[in-house]
């Protein structure tokens, strides 16, 4: 689940985006511009981006704690209430995402982010105070979920566009991979940290921690000013027309259209494999929870290895070509998990899934962001988030039903075939296959 009012995970098929420290020597910059790196002969990431990234990662840590606390408090009232709370977050986000992207392009992403952080800071403090005195009744949890969902709808498109506004186009692959690596580490530690904090201070304590991280991000956003991208639009048309124009541009662009379709398909068929189908498969095969954890861990290792390589070296080749090839690799890994005779083979297949997922996400995200017209940065991010959310919402239910009607193995096989086929279709797309990013491509544009 994306962060409430904070930076979303990159548009990847992986559940979320691990440690940026390994890449820090080559990513740190002594000034606000992309100074040259004499050791490697490439520009360093701007200090403004690194400062923004540090704030975002701090906020993701607070968010992981808060979401655990929200889900834990809702589960005390039963499955129906827990589902209602999650729906309260998801529904307004889906309904308002396109409008949120239009607002961000109209009034500036930075202003939307500052307003969103300030609103969520106030909400977190109020929630902590109310939860301290009243506990966590269902009405409070649903109200909190609705507020988070509305804030997300405006915040996520603006936040997703910020790397393009802070980083030169040719540095997007490294910048987004660094964000993804950091997000992986946060996600791995967020659950255990949330469990400890909730045990000590409950929902009120988690909300206070979240408020502190919102305050940190707010301070960073006030200090950071975008250097790239077009100025806000004049707003001469209606918000709904602006929002629909974002959809039109997204699906009429020769590179964005196949990129968005591949991303949505990956979200629908790859994202559910490990969190939804793997536990069912592990129970069917009598592998146990520990074995399922090993497969998930192996997937994370493969994904982090690829993203770290991109952080250090930049894009590994043509981004569309590698993204589509990554889906084919991931499809082979998914098939391996479904056909594995035992835990060791399933773990190795999980590693293959991670490598394929890493290739896809580390190259597709900068490709989509880099190819987006400067006037539509937030709106295209809104379309991207909406495509992923709708695909995941549909396929989680469809694959879960298929696993019940047939078997978890059959559902995994369907995912493997779909992912591989989608990757092959991506390889057949001329614009997607031949588009380049990086300094050479940037020079060609100019």
Foldseek 3Di string as FASTA:
>chain_A
DAFQLAEGAFLFLAPHFAALVVLVVQADDPAQDQDADVVVGHTHAGPLLVLLLVLRLLLLLLRLLLVLLLLVLQPVVPDVLSVLLQCLQQVLLLVQQLLLLLVCLAQPLLVLSLVLLVVLLVVLLVLLVCCVPPNDDSVSSSVVSNSSNNSCSNNHLSNLLVVVQRGPLQCVLLSSLSSRRSTLHSNVPNNVVSVVQCVVRGNSSSSVSSSVSSVSSSVSSVVRDGDDFDHRDNCPDDSVVSSVVLVVCQCVDLANNLLLVLSLLSLQQVNCCLPPLLVQVCVVLVVDPVLSVLLQVLLSVLLNVLSVVCNNPNQPWQLLLQLLVLLLQLLVLLLQLLPPPHSVSNSVSSNSNNNSSNSNSSRSSSVNSSPDHRSSSSSNSSVSVSSSSVSNVVNSVVLNVVCVVPNSSVSSNVSSVSSNVSSVVSCVRPVSVPDHHHPVNVVVVD
